[in-house]
């Protein structure tokens, strides 16, 4: 079991970290929203019908509603915006800004009614993470020869991280099928509909021509479908049920490292001292947050239960 857990974890590290570069390749000759829509339509349809044919019961109406909300928040507002923003922002930088999702989750969870109040270590992680974002944005463009980052692209990526955070928090208590893979297929199907709708509104279909799609874009899209949506997610789902949560959460700060290295080595994206320092600070903030969560869970599990105590209060 331990060996299988590490194999699955390494798969999530490498596969999900490499999807940012695959997205860049896919959108070179495929419009962004259409490329993401195709990815999730194919992935979602196969997952959904595979699980239904395997005996999973038909989803209820309330489960479709929950899956629709999650799919639109995660796959349209989250991943869809990442795909669009990578037209303007290097893939490695995009991965760093998406890695800030835990920061937004802490803020939202602390401010919403009946949310989970963060401790001082968590708030320190949030502060450190936002310092890293400010340094990465580098509005003064000092001590660097890299071109200025596009403000609109940066803003869209921050919105994507925020949308992903809201969707993740909502999914914790949403009414979903007992089969995680069936629920994921439903979310992907609804997300693809939203992506195609946005692509239609912004006029992407007039730019979509099969004869002009490059082999590299087809390869990137195929990689996203097979490795990003199937292998990566199946490994992640298995880990959630068979590995400690603190260990699984390490993907959040390993993926950006993989994405930055691949972007720099494969397509020579700018990687200077300011980007490296920003990455270390942002990842450090995420590490603090996940460490604080792990400590809180350990303390909660160590609390003795007295006879007759009702833990539902």
Protein backbone atom coordinates (compact mmCIF):
# COMPACT_ATOMS: atom_id res chain seq x y z
CA UNK A 1 0.00 0.00 0.00
CA UNK A 2 2.82 2.41 0.86
CA UNK A 3 4.55 1.80 -2.48
CA UNK A 4 1.27 2.27 -4.37
CA UNK A 5 0.60 5.51 -2.51
CA UNK A 6 3.97 6.93 -3.51
CA UNK A 7 3.49 5.87 -7.14
CA UNK A 8 0.10 7.61 -7.18
CA UNK A 9 1.53 10.69 -5.46
CA UNK A 10 4.43 10.98 -7.91
CA UNK A 11 1.92 10.64 -10.76
CA UNK A 12 -0.06 13.58 -9.36
CA UNK A 13 3.14 15.58 -8.85
CA UNK A 14 4.38 15.13 -12.41
CA UNK A 15 1.12 14.88 -14.34
CA UNK A 16 -0.69 17.83 -12.81
CA UNK A 17 2.49 19.90 -12.76
CA UNK A 18 3.01 19.25 -16.47
CA UNK A 19 -0.55 20.15 -17.51
CA UNK A 20 0.30 23.87 -17.53
CA UNK A 21 2.82 23.31 -20.33
CA UNK A 22 0.37 21.02 -22.14
CA UNK A 23 -2.24 23.80 -21.98
CA UNK A 24 0.24 26.19 -23.56
CA UNK A 25 0.82 23.76 -26.42
CA UNK A 26 -2.91 23.09 -26.91
CA UNK A 27 -3.89 26.75 -27.23
CA UNK A 28 -1.19 27.55 -29.78
CA UNK A 29 -3.62 26.61 -32.57
CA UNK A 30 -6.86 25.76 -30.71
CA UNK A 31 -8.95 28.58 -29.18
CA UNK A 32 -8.66 28.36 -25.37
CA UNK A 33 -12.26 27.85 -24.28
CA UNK A 34 -12.93 25.38 -27.08
CA UNK A 35 -9.80 23.40 -26.23
CA UNK A 36 -10.84 23.17 -22.57
CA UNK A 37 -14.40 22.32 -23.60
CA UNK A 38 -13.21 19.43 -25.79
CA UNK A 39 -10.97 18.17 -22.98
CA UNK A 40 -13.75 18.00 -20.42
CA UNK A 41 -16.45 16.81 -22.81
CA UNK A 42 -14.38 13.77 -23.82
CA UNK A 43 -13.07 13.10 -20.30
CA UNK A 44 -16.44 13.64 -18.64
CA UNK A 45 -18.41 11.52 -21.10
CA UNK A 46 -16.06 8.55 -20.73
CA UNK A 47 -15.97 8.79 -16.93
CA UNK A 48 -19.74 9.18 -16.65
CA UNK A 49 -20.74 6.33 -18.95
CA UNK A 50 -17.99 4.05 -17.60
CA UNK A 51 -19.32 4.43 -14.06
CA UNK A 52 -22.97 4.07 -15.14
CA UNK A 53 -22.17 0.89 -17.08
CA UNK A 54 -20.23 -0.35 -14.03
CA UNK A 55 -23.41 -0.22 -11.96
CA UNK A 56 -23.43 3.25 -10.36
CA UNK A 57 -27.05 4.42 -9.90
CA UNK A 58 -28.43 7.26 -11.99
CA UNK A 59 -27.72 10.64 -10.33
CA UNK A 60 -30.57 12.43 -8.60
CA UNK A 61 -31.70 15.91 -9.59
CA UNK A 62 -30.09 17.48 -6.49
CA UNK A 63 -26.81 15.72 -7.35
CA UNK A 64 -26.88 17.15 -10.87
CA UNK A 65 -27.48 20.61 -9.38
CA UNK A 66 -24.49 20.29 -7.06
CA UNK A 67 -22.29 18.88 -9.83
CA UNK A 68 -23.33 21.76 -12.10
CA UNK A 69 -22.35 24.40 -9.55
CA UNK A 70 -19.03 22.69 -8.84
CA UNK A 71 -18.31 22.09 -12.52
CA UNK A 72 -18.90 25.73 -13.44
CA UNK A 73 -16.82 27.04 -10.54
CA UNK A 74 -13.90 24.62 -10.93
CA UNK A 75 -13.75 23.96 -14.64
CA UNK A 76 -15.14 27.14 -16.18
CA UNK A 77 -14.23 29.76 -13.61
CA UNK A 78 -11.09 27.91 -12.50
CA UNK A 79 -9.42 25.89 -15.24
CA UNK A 80 -11.11 27.72 -18.12
CA UNK A 81 -9.68 31.03 -16.98
CA UNK A 82 -6.23 29.45 -16.59
CA UNK A 83 -6.36 28.25 -20.19
CA UNK A 84 -7.40 31.69 -21.41
CA UNK A 85 -4.77 33.49 -19.31
CA UNK A 86 -1.92 31.33 -20.61
CA UNK A 87 -2.23 33.28 -23.86
CA UNK A 88 -0.77 36.19 -21.89
CA UNK A 89 1.13 34.69 -18.96
CA UNK A 90 3.94 32.05 -18.97
CA UNK A 91 2.78 28.61 -17.88
CA UNK A 92 5.12 28.49 -14.87
CA UNK A 93 3.88 31.83 -13.54
CA UNK A 94 0.28 30.68 -14.10
CA UNK A 95 0.91 27.61 -11.95
CA UNK A 96 2.25 29.78 -9.14
CA UNK A 97 -0.81 32.01 -9.06
CA UNK A 98 -3.13 28.98 -9.07
CA UNK A 99 -1.07 27.56 -6.18
CA UNK A 100 -2.46 30.43 -4.09
CA UNK A 101 -5.88 28.72 -3.98
CA UNK A 102 -5.29 27.54 -0.36
CA UNK A 103 -4.80 31.18 0.64
CA UNK A 104 -8.18 32.14 -0.76
CA UNK A 105 -9.81 29.09 0.82
CA UNK A 106 -8.56 30.17 4.25
CA UNK A 107 -9.88 33.71 3.77
CA UNK A 108 -13.28 32.58 2.49
CA UNK A 109 -13.67 29.90 5.14
CA UNK A 110 -12.77 32.35 7.91
CA UNK A 111 -15.13 35.10 6.73
CA UNK A 112 -18.20 33.06 5.80
CA UNK A 113 -20.90 32.34 8.42
CA UNK A 114 -20.10 29.23 10.49
CA UNK A 115 -16.77 28.95 8.75
CA UNK A 116 -13.57 27.51 10.19
CA UNK A 117 -11.54 30.13 12.06
CA UNK A 118 -7.87 30.13 11.17
CA UNK A 119 -5.06 30.04 13.75
CA UNK A 120 -2.00 32.29 13.81
CA UNK A 121 0.15 29.87 11.77
CA UNK A 122 -2.48 29.77 9.03
CA UNK A 123 -2.70 33.56 8.91
CA UNK A 124 1.07 33.75 8.74
CA UNK A 125 0.95 31.44 5.71
CA UNK A 126 -1.67 33.68 4.08
CA UNK A 127 0.46 36.78 4.70
CA UNK A 128 3.60 35.12 3.34
CA UNK A 129 1.70 33.91 0.27
CA UNK A 130 0.37 37.37 -0.56
CA UNK A 131 3.85 38.85 -0.16
CA UNK A 132 5.00 36.34 -2.77
CA UNK A 133 2.16 37.36 -5.11
CA UNK A 134 3.07 41.04 -4.74
CA UNK A 135 6.72 40.27 -5.45
CA UNK A 136 5.80 38.13 -8.45
CA UNK A 137 3.60 40.89 -9.86
CA UNK A 138 6.60 43.22 -9.55
CA UNK A 139 4.72 46.33 -10.75
CA UNK A 140 7.89 48.40 -10.65
CA UNK A 141 9.80 45.89 -12.80
CA UNK A 142 13.07 46.46 -10.97
CA UNK A 143 16.10 44.16 -10.94
CA UNK A 144 14.78 42.08 -13.82
CA UNK A 145 15.12 41.92 -17.58
CA UNK A 146 11.97 39.81 -17.98
CA UNK A 147 9.06 41.46 -19.81
CA UNK A 148 6.35 42.92 -17.61
CA UNK A 149 3.59 40.47 -16.76
CA UNK A 150 0.26 41.26 -18.39
CA UNK A 151 -2.05 42.81 -15.74
CA UNK A 152 -5.22 41.37 -17.28
CA UNK A 153 -3.73 37.90 -17.41
CA UNK A 154 -2.62 38.18 -13.78
CA UNK A 155 -6.07 39.36 -12.72
CA UNK A 156 -7.80 36.52 -14.56
CA UNK A 157 -5.50 33.96 -12.89
CA UNK A 158 -6.27 35.35 -9.44
CA UNK A 159 -9.97 35.14 -10.29
CA UNK A 160 -9.41 31.52 -11.39
CA UNK A 161 -7.78 30.66 -8.06
CA UNK A 162 -10.65 32.34 -6.22
CA UNK A 163 -13.28 30.49 -8.27
CA UNK A 164 -11.48 27.18 -7.68
CA UNK A 165 -11.41 27.89 -3.94
CA UNK A 166 -15.13 28.67 -3.77
CA UNK A 167 -15.95 25.53 -5.74
CA UNK A 168 -13.71 23.40 -3.53
CA UNK A 169 -15.32 24.71 -0.35
CA UNK A 170 -18.81 24.22 -1.75
CA UNK A 171 -18.03 20.64 -2.77
CA UNK A 172 -17.23 19.63 0.83
CA UNK A 173 -20.90 19.49 1.84
CA UNK A 174 -22.62 19.36 -1.53
CA UNK A 175 -25.02 16.52 -2.33
CA UNK A 176 -23.04 14.38 -4.78
CA UNK A 177 -23.09 10.73 -5.91
CA UNK A 178 -21.33 8.24 -3.65
CA UNK A 179 -19.01 7.41 -6.56
CA UNK A 180 -16.38 10.20 -6.82
CA UNK A 181 -15.60 9.31 -10.43
CA UNK A 182 -19.27 9.49 -11.45
CA UNK A 183 -19.55 12.89 -9.76
CA UNK A 184 -16.39 14.08 -11.51
CA UNK A 185 -17.75 12.97 -14.87
CA UNK A 186 -20.92 14.97 -14.23
CA UNK A 187 -18.90 18.04 -13.25
CA UNK A 188 -16.78 17.75 -16.39
CA UNK A 189 -19.83 17.44 -18.64
CA UNK A 190 -21.45 20.56 -17.18
CA UNK A 191 -18.13 22.40 -17.20
CA UNK A 192 -17.66 21.60 -20.89
CA UNK A 193 -21.08 23.07 -21.68
CA UNK A 194 -20.12 26.28 -19.89
CA UNK A 195 -16.76 26.43 -21.68
CA UNK A 196 -18.36 25.94 -25.10
CA UNK A 197 -20.96 28.62 -24.26
CA UNK A 198 -18.27 31.18 -23.36
CA UNK A 199 -16.28 30.19 -26.44
CA UNK A 200 -19.37 30.86 -28.55
CA UNK A 201 -20.00 34.26 -26.94
CA UNK A 202 -16.43 35.46 -27.57
CA UNK A 203 -16.45 34.17 -31.16
CA UNK A 204 -13.95 31.33 -30.87
CA UNK A 205 -15.73 29.03 -33.34
CA UNK A 206 -14.77 31.32 -36.21
CA UNK A 207 -11.12 30.74 -35.22
CA UNK A 208 -11.45 26.96 -34.90
CA UNK A 209 -10.31 25.11 -38.02
CA UNK A 210 -9.28 21.46 -37.89
CA UNK A 211 -6.88 21.89 -40.82
CA UNK A 212 -4.85 24.55 -39.00
CA UNK A 213 -4.39 22.68 -35.71
CA UNK A 214 -0.75 21.73 -35.25
CA UNK A 215 0.50 18.31 -34.19
CA UNK A 216 1.85 19.86 -30.98
CA UNK A 217 -1.58 21.26 -30.11
CA UNK A 218 -3.22 17.87 -30.73
CA UNK A 219 -0.56 16.29 -28.55
CA UNK A 220 -1.14 18.82 -25.79
CA UNK A 221 -4.89 18.29 -25.88
CA UNK A 222 -4.51 14.51 -25.89
CA UNK A 223 -2.13 14.70 -22.94
CA UNK A 224 -4.62 16.83 -21.00
CA UNK A 225 -7.43 14.34 -21.64
CA UNK A 226 -5.54 11.12 -20.94
CA UNK A 227 -3.02 12.15 -18.30
CA UNK A 228 -4.46 15.32 -16.78
CA UNK A 229 -8.12 14.33 -16.53
CA UNK A 230 -7.96 10.54 -16.25
CA UNK A 231 -4.67 9.31 -14.80
CA UNK A 232 -3.99 12.36 -12.65
CA UNK A 233 -7.48 12.60 -11.21
CA UNK A 234 -7.92 8.87 -10.66
CA UNK A 235 -4.60 8.81 -8.77
CA UNK A 236 -5.69 11.85 -6.73
CA UNK A 237 -9.07 10.30 -5.90
CA UNK A 238 -7.40 7.06 -4.80
CA UNK A 239 -4.95 9.00 -2.62
CA UNK A 240 -7.77 10.87 -0.85
CA UNK A 241 -9.12 7.53 0.35
CA UNK A 242 -5.85 5.71 1.04
CA UNK A 243 -3.19 8.22 2.09
CA UNK A 244 -2.87 10.82 4.90
CA UNK A 245 -4.37 14.19 3.96
CA UNK A 246 -1.17 16.18 4.80
CA UNK A 247 0.79 13.96 2.41
CA UNK A 248 -1.77 14.33 -0.38
CA UNK A 249 -1.87 18.12 0.06
CA UNK A 250 1.82 18.39 -0.82
CA UNK A 251 0.83 18.38 -4.51
CA UNK A 252 -0.20 22.03 -4.06
CA UNK A 253 3.39 23.14 -3.70
CA UNK A 254 5.12 20.50 -5.81
CA UNK A 255 3.07 21.14 -8.96
CA UNK A 256 4.32 24.75 -9.38
CA UNK A 257 7.93 23.58 -9.11
CA UNK A 258 7.36 21.00 -11.87
CA UNK A 259 5.52 23.56 -14.03
CA UNK A 260 8.20 26.23 -13.62
CA UNK A 261 11.03 23.82 -14.43
CA UNK A 262 9.26 22.41 -17.49
CA UNK A 263 8.36 25.88 -18.77
CA UNK A 264 11.93 27.06 -18.37
CA UNK A 265 13.65 23.99 -19.84
CA UNK A 266 11.24 23.03 -22.64
CA UNK A 267 10.04 26.40 -23.97
CA UNK A 268 12.59 28.71 -22.34
CA UNK A 269 10.15 30.78 -20.31
CA UNK A 270 11.86 33.56 -18.29
CA UNK A 271 13.22 32.32 -14.98
CA UNK A 272 15.21 34.91 -13.09
CA UNK A 273 16.01 35.46 -9.44
CA UNK A 274 12.80 37.44 -8.84
CA UNK A 275 10.63 34.59 -10.17
CA UNK A 276 12.53 31.98 -8.12
CA UNK A 277 12.27 34.06 -4.95
CA UNK A 278 8.56 34.68 -5.51
CA UNK A 279 8.01 30.96 -6.06
CA UNK A 280 9.82 30.06 -2.84
CA UNK A 281 7.79 32.62 -0.85
CA UNK A 282 4.41 31.54 -2.30
CA UNK A 283 5.17 27.86 -1.83
CA UNK A 284 6.40 28.63 1.69
CA UNK A 285 3.06 30.25 2.47
CA UNK A 286 1.18 27.20 1.21
CA UNK A 287 3.44 24.93 3.27
CA UNK A 288 2.62 26.94 6.41
CA UNK A 289 -1.11 26.66 5.72
CA UNK A 290 -1.03 22.90 5.12
CA UNK A 291 1.19 22.43 8.19
CA UNK A 292 -1.24 24.39 10.35
CA UNK A 293 -4.12 22.29 9.03
CA UNK A 294 -2.23 19.09 9.79
CA UNK A 295 -1.46 20.23 13.35
CA UNK A 296 -5.09 21.19 13.92
CA UNK A 297 -6.30 17.78 12.72
CA UNK A 298 -3.80 15.99 14.98
CA UNK A 299 -4.88 18.00 18.01
CA UNK A 300 -8.54 17.28 17.25
CA UNK A 301 -7.89 13.55 16.95
CA UNK A 302 -5.96 13.60 20.25
CA UNK A 303 -8.82 15.12 22.27
CA UNK A 304 -10.11 12.45 24.71
CA UNK A 305 -13.77 11.60 24.53
CA UNK A 306 -15.57 11.35 27.85
CA UNK A 307 -18.40 8.82 28.28
CA UNK A 308 -21.71 10.19 27.09
CA UNK A 309 -20.14 13.12 25.22
CA UNK A 310 -22.02 14.09 22.06
CA UNK A 311 -19.56 15.05 19.32
CA UNK A 312 -22.32 16.40 17.08
CA UNK A 313 -22.87 19.47 19.27
